[in-house]
């Protein structure tokens, strides 16, 4: 793209704020579930504190993937920029 097409794009703030707000809400649920789920699974399988931290880290990494996919999908539905 050349410089003139770059400068003609405008940020659509309502879309950005909507996606960020939804990401915060969903992120709190996803990462809370990862923390609680890792703790519960560690107790269920008798993994101890070290095992709980490992399971929580794995679930947290899966949560990052979920949140990345969510933001990308939301950006397709609510575009962050428009040509002005």
C-alpha atoms as a PDB file:
ATOM      1  CA  UNK A   1       0.000   0.000   0.000  1.00  0.00           C
ATOM      2  CA  UNK A   2       1.151   3.484  -0.616  1.00  0.00           C
ATOM      3  CA  UNK A   3       1.163   6.333   1.922  1.00  0.00           C
ATOM      4  CA  UNK A   4      -2.075   7.925   0.684  1.00  0.00           C
ATOM      5  CA  UNK A   5      -4.120   4.740   1.250  1.00  0.00           C
ATOM      6  CA  UNK A   6      -2.602   4.344   4.737  1.00  0.00           C
ATOM      7  CA  UNK A   7      -3.590   7.857   5.783  1.00  0.00           C
ATOM      8  CA  UNK A   8      -7.166   7.430   4.523  1.00  0.00           C
ATOM      9  CA  UNK A   9      -7.936   4.722   7.094  1.00  0.00           C
ATOM     10  CA  UNK A  10      -9.730   5.739  10.269  1.00  0.00           C
ATOM     11  CA  UNK A  11     -10.036   3.810  13.507  1.00  0.00           C
ATOM     12  CA  UNK A  12     -13.613   2.833  14.344  1.00  0.00           C
ATOM     13  CA  UNK A  13     -13.452   3.397  18.101  1.00  0.00           C
ATOM     14  CA  UNK A  14     -16.879   1.942  18.990  1.00  0.00           C
ATOM     15  CA  UNK A  15     -15.844  -1.362  17.377  1.00  0.00           C
ATOM     16  CA  UNK A  16     -12.458  -1.356  19.112  1.00  0.00           C
ATOM     17  CA  UNK A  17     -14.031  -0.619  22.497  1.00  0.00           C
ATOM     18  CA  UNK A  18     -16.715  -3.288  21.990  1.00  0.00           C
ATOM     19  CA  UNK A  19     -14.169  -5.990  21.127  1.00  0.00           C
ATOM     20  CA  UNK A  20     -11.809  -5.012  23.960  1.00  0.00           C
ATOM     21  CA  UNK A  21     -14.679  -4.973  26.471  1.00  0.00           C
ATOM     22  CA  UNK A  22     -15.875  -8.405  25.352  1.00  0.00           C
ATOM     23  CA  UNK A  23     -12.298  -9.720  25.437  1.00  0.00           C
ATOM     24  CA  UNK A  24     -11.882  -8.524  29.037  1.00  0.00           C
ATOM     25  CA  UNK A  25     -15.125 -10.197  30.099  1.00  0.00           C
ATOM     26  CA  UNK A  26     -14.457 -13.455  28.274  1.00  0.00           C
ATOM     27  CA  UNK A  27     -10.778 -13.416  29.286  1.00  0.00           C
ATOM     28  CA  UNK A  28     -11.703 -13.200  32.967  1.00  0.00           C
ATOM     29  CA  UNK A  29     -13.904 -16.251  32.542  1.00  0.00           C
ATOM     30  CA  UNK A  30     -11.395 -18.230  30.467  1.00  0.00           C
ATOM     31  CA  UNK A  31      -8.409 -17.559  32.721  1.00  0.00           C
ATOM     32  CA  UNK A  32     -10.456 -18.009  35.893  1.00  0.00           C
ATOM     33  CA  UNK A  33     -11.633 -21.366  34.580  1.00  0.00           C
ATOM     34  CA  UNK A  34      -8.036 -22.303  33.717  1.00  0.00           C
ATOM     35  CA  UNK A  35      -6.880 -21.492  37.238  1.00  0.00           C
ATOM     36  CA  UNK A  36      -9.767 -23.237  38.987  1.00  0.00           C
ATOM     37  CA  UNK A  37      -9.778 -26.161  36.563  1.00  0.00           C
ATOM     38  CA  UNK A  38      -6.051 -26.750  36.986  1.00  0.00           C
ATOM     39  CA  UNK A  39      -6.434 -26.719  40.759  1.00  0.00           C
ATOM     40  CA  UNK A  40      -9.423 -29.096  40.628  1.00  0.00           C
ATOM     41  CA  UNK A  41      -7.748 -31.517  38.223  1.00  0.00           C
ATOM     42  CA  UNK A  42      -4.591 -31.572  40.314  1.00  0.00           C
ATOM     43  CA  UNK A  43      -6.599 -32.496  43.411  1.00  0.00           C
ATOM     44  CA  UNK A  44      -8.637 -35.075  41.476  1.00  0.00           C
ATOM     45  CA  UNK A  45      -5.529 -36.836  40.184  1.00  0.00           C
ATOM     46  CA  UNK A  46      -3.392 -36.238  43.298  1.00  0.00           C
ATOM     47  CA  UNK A  47      -0.738 -34.228  41.467  1.00  0.00           C
ATOM     48  CA  UNK A  48       0.300 -31.965  44.342  1.00  0.00           C
ATOM     49  CA  UNK A  49       1.247 -28.294  44.154  1.00  0.00           C
ATOM     50  CA  UNK A  50       3.824 -28.700  41.379  1.00  0.00           C
ATOM     51  CA  UNK A  51       1.362 -30.656  39.247  1.00  0.00           C
ATOM     52  CA  UNK A  52      -1.341 -28.064  39.867  1.00  0.00           C
ATOM     53  CA  UNK A  53       0.935 -25.302  38.584  1.00  0.00           C
ATOM     54  CA  UNK A  54       1.807 -27.302  35.483  1.00  0.00           C
ATOM     55  CA  UNK A  55      -1.856 -28.088  34.701  1.00  0.00           C
ATOM     56  CA  UNK A  56      -2.774 -24.442  35.299  1.00  0.00           C
ATOM     57  CA  UNK A  57       0.016 -23.298  32.950  1.00  0.00           C
ATOM     58  CA  UNK A  58      -1.205 -25.661  30.214  1.00  0.00           C
ATOM     59  CA  UNK A  59      -4.802 -24.497  30.619  1.00  0.00           C
ATOM     60  CA  UNK A  60      -3.632 -20.868  30.705  1.00  0.00           C
ATOM     61  CA  UNK A  61      -1.801 -21.395  27.380  1.00  0.00           C
ATOM     62  CA  UNK A  62      -4.986 -22.870  25.911  1.00  0.00           C
ATOM     63  CA  UNK A  63      -6.816 -19.814  27.224  1.00  0.00           C
ATOM     64  CA  UNK A  64      -4.394 -17.550  25.357  1.00  0.00           C
ATOM     65  CA  UNK A  65      -5.170 -19.451  22.162  1.00  0.00           C
ATOM     66  CA  UNK A  66      -8.913 -19.123  22.796  1.00  0.00           C
ATOM     67  CA  UNK A  67      -8.609 -15.381  23.414  1.00  0.00           C
ATOM     68  CA  UNK A  68      -6.481 -14.868  20.303  1.00  0.00           C
ATOM     69  CA  UNK A  69      -9.043 -16.722  18.196  1.00  0.00           C
ATOM     70  CA  UNK A  70     -11.858 -14.696  19.777  1.00  0.00           C
ATOM     71  CA  UNK A  71     -10.246 -11.321  19.060  1.00  0.00           C
ATOM     72  CA  UNK A  72      -9.448 -12.295  15.474  1.00  0.00           C
ATOM     73  CA  UNK A  73     -13.003 -13.499  14.843  1.00  0.00           C
ATOM     74  CA  UNK A  74     -14.474 -10.424  16.529  1.00  0.00           C
ATOM     75  CA  UNK A  75     -12.279  -8.159  14.408  1.00  0.00           C
ATOM     76  CA  UNK A  76     -13.720  -9.726  11.247  1.00  0.00           C
ATOM     77  CA  UNK A  77     -17.244  -8.972  12.458  1.00  0.00           C
ATOM     78  CA  UNK A  78     -16.456  -5.547  13.962  1.00  0.00           C
ATOM     79  CA  UNK A  79     -13.670  -4.090  11.781  1.00  0.00           C
ATOM     80  CA  UNK A  80     -11.242  -1.811  13.622  1.00  0.00           C
ATOM     81  CA  UNK A  81     -10.596   0.468  10.641  1.00  0.00           C
ATOM     82  CA  UNK A  82     -12.514   1.907   7.750  1.00  0.00           C
ATOM     83  CA  UNK A  83     -11.542   3.861   4.691  1.00  0.00           C
ATOM     84  CA  UNK A  84     -12.373   7.485   5.129  1.00  0.00           C
END
